[in-house]
Amino acid sequence: MSNDPIGAVVVGTGFGLFTHVRALREAGFEVRAIVGRDLEKTRRRSAPLGIPLAANDLERVLADDPAIRLVTVATPPHAHYTPVMQAIAAGRAVVCEKPFARDLVQARVMLEAAEKAGIVHTLGAEFRFDSAQALLTRLVRGGAIGDPLMFHRIYQQPGGNPDAELADWWMDANQGGGFLGAFGTHMIDQARTTIGEIEAVSCILRKLTTGRPLMTSDDYYNLQFRTASGCMGVLEAAECFPGPFVMSTKVAGTKGGAWIQSGAAFGDPEQVWLQDSAGVRQVAMPPELANPPATPFPITELVQTEMDRWHTQGFDVAPYAKLFKQVRARILGQEPPLPDAAGDFHDACANQAILDAARQSAATRQWVTVEKV
């Protein structure tokens, strides 16, 4: 693969600044610009990272700099549509964060525009390249446990200050906020990638925090589902649940089971285990899936909010660098370095359909059929 850098622009001065910039550089991109709503704030926040241009007009940035071939969008979900459509109109490859869109209708418009333009389009589902998740997916899809029967993932974090102020969009259901959108989309993508398409869901959404009186979104969800092949599943997560940290991922099948053995805290080293007719054993991590330990964002004066604290721990950087390397290869028309597929806007729409169905289920307290994409 050519070592010549490819120009990129990052849209968003939160997660985009903390994670995209570092991961893009590790993947061989040259970050030539960053775009935010507030020009002075964008200049102030980007200066310590040595980004050449801070701007508040993506269309102008793309018109002025033909060396930029990739746009990454890391704004709040309700603000994804405009920069994604601007990137597509300019003929640039685009990576868009999750949750992808306001709803499936909007998601489909972005997919159709990207397909019509013939550009490389990618969903920011970086945890497909988390070491343990990637290995578990390989095992299950490779037939190691037979036909999947049950998928179970639970994540309960004690949280920090349960009354700490979060970003406006995170607390507002109308802006796509809440833990189901922010974290559940990762779980949904992992389930789809590992065991196949989800056809129906039943969901509980709750607010557990006793603070944040203006919060209209969820901070807890329990999502039951069934796939087209008959596998059943449960996805549960809580942003702030009293008691110890809990994280587990297990898949049972007709010939055995596989699971991720997690540590006592998020980010602790994980192991992948397999049980079949030969017994129970740990599965060695392939070298190409191994990720280095997380390195926290080094510029501490930019870490100002609870959201910043979450996004600067560094757990996303190595998986995101792998995702960006997959994108880089596609832009160059080369074979990707890993056989594990990065998600695209088709996946984004499929995930959004499940998200929409889950919210409808929570409102009606009924099983809801997922709209086919």
Protein backbone atom coordinates (compact mmCIF):
# COMPACT_ATOMS: atom_id res chain seq x y z
CA MET A 1 0.00 0.00 0.00
CA SER A 2 1.24 3.46 -0.85
CA ASN A 3 2.59 5.39 2.11
CA ASP A 4 1.63 8.76 0.64
CA PRO A 5 -0.80 10.52 3.00
CA ILE A 6 -4.40 11.11 1.93
CA GLY A 7 -5.98 14.40 2.96
CA ALA A 8 -8.88 14.31 5.42
CA VAL A 9 -11.16 16.81 7.14
CA VAL A 10 -12.87 16.13 10.47
CA VAL A 11 -16.28 17.61 11.20
CA GLY A 12 -16.83 17.94 14.94
CA THR A 13 -14.71 19.29 17.77
CA GLY A 14 -15.64 16.74 20.46
CA PHE A 15 -15.23 13.04 19.65
CA GLY A 16 -13.89 14.02 16.23
CA LEU A 17 -11.10 16.03 17.80
CA PHE A 18 -10.30 13.50 20.52
CA THR A 19 -10.48 10.27 18.50
CA HIS A 20 -10.80 10.80 14.74
CA VAL A 21 -7.76 13.04 14.46
CA ARG A 22 -5.45 10.62 16.29
CA ALA A 23 -6.81 7.53 14.51
CA LEU A 24 -6.66 9.16 11.07
CA ARG A 25 -3.01 10.05 11.58
CA GLU A 26 -2.20 6.52 12.76
CA ALA A 27 -3.90 5.17 9.63
CA GLY A 28 -1.80 7.27 7.25
CA PHE A 29 -4.13 10.19 6.60
CA GLU A 30 -3.11 13.84 6.72
CA VAL A 31 -5.65 15.81 8.75
CA ARG A 32 -5.75 19.03 6.76
CA ALA A 33 -8.74 20.71 8.40
CA ILE A 34 -11.33 20.52 11.17
CA VAL A 35 -14.82 22.02 10.97
CA GLY A 36 -17.00 23.20 13.86
CA ARG A 37 -20.00 25.46 14.35
CA ASP A 38 -18.14 28.09 16.39
CA LEU A 39 -15.09 29.25 14.44
CA GLU A 40 -13.20 30.75 17.39
CA LYS A 41 -13.86 27.69 19.56
CA THR A 42 -12.75 25.42 16.73
CA ARG A 43 -9.53 27.38 16.30
CA ARG A 44 -8.86 27.33 20.03
CA ARG A 45 -9.49 23.61 20.45
CA SER A 46 -7.64 22.49 17.32
CA ALA A 47 -4.50 24.60 17.75
CA PRO A 48 -2.76 22.23 20.21
CA LEU A 49 -3.16 19.37 17.71
CA GLY A 50 -1.38 21.21 14.92
CA ILE A 51 -4.27 20.99 12.45
CA PRO A 52 -3.51 23.45 9.60
CA LEU A 53 -7.02 24.84 9.12
CA ALA A 54 -9.94 25.45 11.49
CA ALA A 55 -13.17 26.38 9.71
CA ASN A 56 -16.95 26.52 10.03
CA ASP A 57 -17.87 25.97 6.36
CA LEU A 58 -17.32 22.43 5.08
CA GLU A 59 -18.43 23.20 1.52
CA ARG A 60 -15.83 25.93 1.21
CA VAL A 61 -13.09 23.74 2.72
CA LEU A 62 -13.80 21.02 0.17
CA ALA A 63 -13.96 23.49 -2.72
CA ASP A 64 -10.64 25.08 -1.73
CA ASP A 65 -8.66 21.90 -1.04
CA PRO A 66 -8.79 19.10 -3.64
CA ALA A 67 -6.20 17.14 -1.64
CA ILE A 68 -8.93 16.29 0.87
CA ARG A 69 -10.36 12.94 -0.21
CA LEU A 70 -12.08 11.89 3.03
CA VAL A 71 -14.62 13.61 5.26
CA THR A 72 -15.31 12.21 8.73
CA VAL A 73 -18.48 13.36 10.48
CA ALA A 74 -18.54 13.29 14.29
CA THR A 75 -21.23 15.82 15.11
CA PRO A 76 -24.31 14.99 17.24
CA PRO A 77 -26.58 12.56 15.34
CA HIS A 78 -29.26 15.10 14.42
CA ALA A 79 -26.52 17.13 12.69
CA HIS A 80 -25.04 14.33 10.55
CA TYR A 81 -27.22 14.84 7.50
CA THR A 82 -25.92 18.20 6.23
CA PRO A 83 -22.15 17.50 6.29
CA VAL A 84 -22.66 13.97 4.93
CA MET A 85 -24.68 15.31 1.99
CA GLN A 86 -22.12 18.09 1.43
CA ALA A 87 -19.30 15.53 1.31
CA ILE A 88 -21.25 13.35 -1.12
CA ALA A 89 -22.06 16.33 -3.35
CA ALA A 90 -18.35 17.15 -3.46
CA GLY A 91 -17.50 13.58 -4.48
CA ARG A 92 -15.51 12.81 -1.32
CA ALA A 93 -15.40 9.56 0.61
CA VAL A 94 -17.23 9.90 3.93
CA VAL A 95 -17.17 8.19 7.34
CA CYS A 96 -20.19 9.03 9.49
CA GLU A 97 -20.54 8.38 13.20
CA LYS A 98 -23.35 6.46 14.84
CA PRO A 99 -26.20 6.78 15.62
CA PHE A 100 -26.36 7.46 11.90
CA ALA A 101 -29.45 9.60 11.40
CA ARG A 102 -32.58 11.08 12.91
CA ASP A 103 -34.57 8.10 11.59
CA LEU A 104 -34.60 5.47 8.83
CA VAL A 105 -36.15 7.87 6.31
CA GLN A 106 -33.21 10.24 6.62
CA ALA A 107 -30.73 7.35 6.70
CA ARG A 108 -32.04 6.04 3.39
CA VAL A 109 -31.62 9.43 1.73
CA MET A 110 -27.94 9.49 2.69
CA LEU A 111 -27.43 5.91 1.50
CA GLU A 112 -29.12 6.55 -1.84
CA ALA A 113 -27.10 9.74 -2.42
CA ALA A 114 -23.82 7.99 -1.59
CA GLU A 115 -24.62 5.06 -3.87
CA LYS A 116 -25.66 7.35 -6.73
CA ALA A 117 -22.45 9.37 -6.37
CA GLY A 118 -20.33 6.22 -6.33
CA ILE A 119 -18.27 7.38 -3.34
CA VAL A 120 -16.75 5.24 -0.57
CA HIS A 121 -19.16 5.41 2.38
CA THR A 122 -18.47 3.99 5.82
CA LEU A 123 -20.21 3.80 9.19
CA GLY A 124 -18.17 4.71 12.26
CA ALA A 125 -18.71 1.31 13.90
CA GLU A 126 -15.14 1.08 15.14
CA PHE A 127 -15.71 -1.71 17.64
CA ARG A 128 -15.96 -4.19 14.80
CA PHE A 129 -12.18 -3.91 15.12
CA ASP A 130 -12.05 -4.33 18.88
CA SER A 131 -9.79 -7.36 19.36
CA ALA A 132 -12.18 -9.57 21.34
CA GLN A 133 -15.30 -8.61 19.39
CA ALA A 134 -13.57 -9.23 16.06
CA LEU A 135 -12.31 -12.65 17.16
CA LEU A 136 -15.70 -13.69 18.54
CA THR A 137 -17.35 -12.67 15.28
CA ARG A 138 -14.82 -14.69 13.28
CA LEU A 139 -15.46 -17.78 15.42
CA VAL A 140 -19.25 -17.62 15.18
CA ARG A 141 -19.41 -16.75 11.50
CA GLY A 142 -16.81 -19.41 10.79
CA GLY A 143 -19.14 -22.10 12.21
CA ALA A 144 -17.21 -22.87 15.39
CA ILE A 145 -20.40 -23.14 17.48
CA GLY A 146 -22.77 -24.35 14.75
CA ASP A 147 -25.97 -22.41 14.14
CA PRO A 148 -26.37 -19.56 16.66
CA LEU A 149 -29.26 -20.07 19.08
CA MET A 150 -28.81 -17.25 21.61
CA PHE A 151 -26.82 -14.01 21.73
CA HIS A 152 -26.49 -12.20 25.05
CA ARG A 153 -24.67 -8.98 25.84
CA ILE A 154 -24.91 -7.01 29.06
CA TYR A 155 -23.11 -3.82 30.06
CA GLN A 156 -23.75 -1.99 33.32
CA GLN A 157 -21.41 0.79 34.35
CA PRO A 158 -21.57 2.33 37.82
CA GLY A 159 -21.01 5.70 36.20
CA GLY A 160 -19.40 8.79 37.63
CA ASN A 161 -21.55 11.57 39.01
CA PRO A 162 -25.10 10.57 38.03
CA ASP A 163 -26.14 14.22 38.10
CA ALA A 164 -23.26 15.52 35.97
CA GLU A 165 -24.46 17.58 33.04
CA LEU A 166 -24.25 15.87 29.66
CA ALA A 167 -24.35 17.33 26.16
CA ASP A 168 -27.75 18.76 25.21
CA TRP A 169 -28.30 16.27 22.40
CA TRP A 170 -27.45 13.30 24.63
CA MET A 171 -30.31 14.16 27.04
CA ASP A 172 -32.87 15.01 24.34
CA ALA A 173 -34.84 12.15 22.80
CA ASN A 174 -35.86 14.38 19.89
CA GLN A 175 -32.20 14.83 18.94
CA GLY A 176 -31.45 11.09 18.95
CA GLY A 177 -29.99 11.15 22.45
CA GLY A 178 -29.95 8.47 25.08
CA PHE A 179 -27.92 5.37 25.80
CA LEU A 180 -29.75 3.21 23.26
CA GLY A 181 -28.66 5.54 20.48
CA ALA A 182 -25.19 6.27 21.81
CA PHE A 183 -24.16 2.78 22.96
CA GLY A 184 -26.94 0.48 21.80
CA THR A 185 -26.03 1.10 18.17
CA HIS A 186 -22.63 -0.49 18.89
CA MET A 187 -24.35 -3.52 20.44
CA ILE A 188 -26.82 -3.77 17.56
CA ASP A 189 -24.02 -3.65 15.01
CA GLN A 190 -22.05 -6.30 16.91
CA ALA A 191 -25.07 -8.61 17.04
CA ARG A 192 -25.84 -8.18 13.34
CA THR A 193 -22.19 -8.68 12.39
CA THR A 194 -21.89 -11.80 14.52
CA ILE A 195 -25.18 -13.67 14.04
CA GLY A 196 -27.05 -12.06 11.15
CA GLU A 197 -30.00 -9.80 10.46
CA ILE A 198 -32.52 -8.94 13.18
CA GLU A 199 -36.17 -9.16 12.15
CA ALA A 200 -38.16 -8.23 15.30
CA VAL A 201 -37.52 -6.53 18.64
CA SER A 202 -39.06 -5.91 22.06
CA CYS A 203 -37.50 -3.07 24.03
CA ILE A 204 -37.59 -1.40 27.45
CA LEU A 205 -36.23 2.13 27.77
CA ARG A 206 -35.83 3.72 31.22
CA LYS A 207 -34.22 6.69 32.90
CA LEU A 208 -32.43 5.53 36.06
CA THR A 209 -30.62 8.69 37.11
CA THR A 210 -32.35 10.71 39.81
CA GLY A 211 -30.77 13.91 38.55
CA ARG A 212 -31.02 15.67 35.18
CA PRO A 213 -34.69 16.69 35.49
CA LEU A 214 -34.76 17.99 31.90
CA MET A 215 -33.51 14.70 30.43
CA THR A 216 -36.08 13.11 28.10
CA SER A 217 -33.89 10.32 26.72
CA ASP A 218 -33.03 6.92 28.20
CA ASP A 219 -29.97 5.89 30.20
CA TYR A 220 -30.99 2.20 30.37
CA TYR A 221 -32.26 -0.21 27.76
CA ASN A 222 -33.13 -3.90 27.49
CA LEU A 223 -33.57 -5.03 23.89
CA GLN A 224 -34.79 -8.54 23.08
CA PHE A 225 -34.66 -9.67 19.47
CA ARG A 226 -34.94 -12.55 17.06
CA THR A 227 -33.08 -13.00 13.79
CA ALA A 228 -34.28 -14.29 10.44
CA SER A 229 -32.49 -17.58 11.18
CA GLY A 230 -34.30 -18.04 14.51
CA CYS A 231 -31.53 -16.98 16.88
CA MET A 232 -32.80 -15.06 19.89
CA GLY A 233 -30.92 -12.36 21.75
CA VAL A 234 -30.80 -9.86 24.60
CA LEU A 235 -28.89 -6.58 24.65
CA GLU A 236 -28.87 -4.68 27.93
CA ALA A 237 -26.90 -1.63 29.01
CA ALA A 238 -27.02 1.07 31.65
CA GLU A 239 -25.07 4.30 31.73
CA CYS A 240 -25.22 4.57 35.52
CA PHE A 241 -26.46 1.49 37.41
CA PRO A 242 -25.70 1.21 41.16
CA GLY A 243 -23.35 -1.59 42.06
CA PRO A 244 -20.29 -3.13 40.40
CA PHE A 245 -19.30 -2.90 36.75
CA VAL A 246 -20.80 -5.76 34.71
CA MET A 247 -19.90 -6.70 31.13
CA SER A 248 -20.45 -10.00 29.35
CA THR A 249 -20.90 -11.23 25.78
CA LYS A 250 -21.93 -14.84 25.09
CA VAL A 251 -23.19 -16.77 22.07
CA ALA A 252 -24.71 -20.26 22.30
CA GLY A 253 -25.06 -22.49 19.25
CA THR A 254 -26.01 -25.96 18.13
CA LYS A 255 -22.43 -27.24 18.50
CA GLY A 256 -21.22 -25.25 21.49
CA GLY A 257 -20.69 -21.70 22.65
CA ALA A 258 -18.24 -18.82 22.62
CA TRP A 259 -17.82 -15.83 24.87
CA ILE A 260 -15.70 -12.83 25.78
CA GLN A 261 -14.19 -13.03 29.26
CA SER A 262 -14.10 -9.40 30.37
CA GLY A 263 -12.17 -7.75 33.17
CA ALA A 264 -13.34 -5.90 36.27
CA ALA A 265 -13.42 -2.55 34.47
CA PHE A 266 -14.03 -1.32 30.95
CA GLY A 267 -10.80 -1.45 28.98
CA ASP A 268 -9.24 -4.28 30.99
CA PRO A 269 -7.69 -7.03 28.81
CA GLU A 270 -10.26 -9.48 27.47
CA GLN A 271 -10.06 -13.12 26.44
CA VAL A 272 -12.15 -15.13 23.98
CA TRP A 273 -13.21 -18.64 24.96
CA LEU A 274 -14.76 -21.52 23.05
CA GLN A 275 -16.69 -24.57 24.23
CA ASP A 276 -17.35 -27.43 21.79
CA SER A 277 -17.05 -31.21 21.58
CA ALA A 278 -13.31 -30.92 22.26
CA GLY A 279 -13.89 -29.13 25.57
CA VAL A 280 -13.40 -25.60 26.89
CA ARG A 281 -10.40 -23.54 25.90
CA GLN A 282 -9.16 -20.01 25.38
CA VAL A 283 -8.73 -19.00 21.75
CA ALA A 284 -5.43 -17.32 20.89
CA MET A 285 -5.71 -13.79 19.57
CA PRO A 286 -4.49 -13.53 15.95
CA PRO A 287 -1.68 -10.95 15.73
CA GLU A 288 -3.54 -8.86 13.16
CA LEU A 289 -6.48 -8.43 15.57
CA ALA A 290 -4.39 -7.47 18.61
CA ASN A 291 -4.67 -3.81 19.61
CA PRO A 292 -2.22 -1.85 21.76
CA PRO A 293 -3.32 -0.60 25.21
CA ALA A 294 -5.38 2.57 25.21
CA THR A 295 -3.50 5.84 25.49
CA PRO A 296 -5.53 8.72 27.00
CA PHE A 297 -5.82 11.96 25.07
CA PRO A 298 -2.71 13.90 26.10
CA ILE A 299 -3.96 17.50 26.05
CA THR A 300 -5.76 17.62 29.39
CA GLU A 301 -6.85 21.26 29.17
CA LEU A 302 -9.26 20.30 26.36
CA VAL A 303 -11.03 17.75 28.60
CA GLN A 304 -13.79 19.86 30.12
CA THR A 305 -17.01 17.82 30.44
CA GLU A 306 -18.21 14.36 31.44
CA MET A 307 -18.62 13.56 27.75
CA ASP A 308 -15.03 14.66 27.12
CA ARG A 309 -13.83 12.36 29.89
CA TRP A 310 -15.56 9.38 28.28
CA HIS A 311 -14.21 10.23 24.84
CA THR A 312 -10.60 10.85 25.86
CA GLN A 313 -9.82 7.53 27.54
CA GLY A 314 -8.46 6.26 24.23
CA PHE A 315 -10.28 2.93 23.90
CA ASP A 316 -11.65 3.87 20.47
CA VAL A 317 -8.39 5.01 18.89
CA ALA A 318 -6.79 1.66 17.92
CA PRO A 319 -10.04 0.15 16.57
CA TYR A 320 -10.74 3.37 14.70
CA ALA A 321 -7.25 3.40 13.19
CA LYS A 322 -7.97 -0.08 11.81
CA LEU A 323 -11.30 1.10 10.43
CA PHE A 324 -9.60 4.08 8.76
CA LYS A 325 -6.96 1.77 7.25
CA GLN A 326 -9.79 -0.24 5.69
CA VAL A 327 -11.25 2.99 4.31
CA ARG A 328 -7.87 4.13 3.03
CA ALA A 329 -7.45 0.92 1.06
CA ARG A 330 -10.90 1.32 -0.49
CA ILE A 331 -10.16 4.91 -1.50
CA LEU A 332 -6.94 3.74 -3.17
CA GLY A 333 -8.66 0.78 -4.82
CA GLN A 334 -6.49 -1.69 -2.91
CA GLU A 335 -7.13 -4.86 -0.94
CA PRO A 336 -8.03 -3.95 2.68
CA PRO A 337 -5.43 -4.99 5.27
CA LEU A 338 -8.03 -7.08 7.19
CA PRO A 339 -10.69 -9.47 5.87
CA ASP A 340 -13.15 -8.17 8.48
CA ALA A 341 -15.53 -5.76 6.76
CA ALA A 342 -16.01 -2.19 7.91
CA GLY A 343 -19.66 -1.16 8.09
CA ASP A 344 -21.07 1.00 5.31
CA PHE A 345 -24.22 3.05 4.87
CA HIS A 346 -26.20 -0.14 4.16
CA ASP A 347 -25.25 -1.30 7.65
CA ALA A 348 -26.06 2.16 8.97
CA CYS A 349 -29.58 1.89 7.58
CA ALA A 350 -30.04 -1.64 8.92
CA ASN A 351 -28.92 -0.52 12.38
CA GLN A 352 -31.18 2.55 12.18
CA ALA A 353 -34.18 0.37 11.30
CA ILE A 354 -33.57 -1.68 14.46
CA LEU A 355 -33.13 1.49 16.52
CA ASP A 356 -36.41 2.91 15.21
CA ALA A 357 -38.23 -0.37 15.88
CA ALA A 358 -36.80 -0.54 19.40
CA ARG A 359 -38.07 2.95 20.22
CA GLN A 360 -41.48 2.12 18.77
CA SER A 361 -41.56 -1.07 20.85
CA ALA A 362 -40.69 0.82 24.04
CA ALA A 363 -43.51 3.28 23.35
CA THR A 364 -46.16 0.64 22.51
CA ARG A 365 -44.88 -2.15 24.81
CA GLN A 366 -45.17 -4.63 21.96
CA TRP A 367 -42.92 -6.69 19.71
CA VAL A 368 -42.21 -4.71 16.53
CA THR A 369 -41.11 -6.05 13.15
CA VAL A 370 -37.95 -4.39 11.87
CA GLU A 371 -38.41 -2.67 8.52
CA LYS A 372 -36.27 -4.31 5.83
CA VAL A 373 -33.58 -2.19 4.21
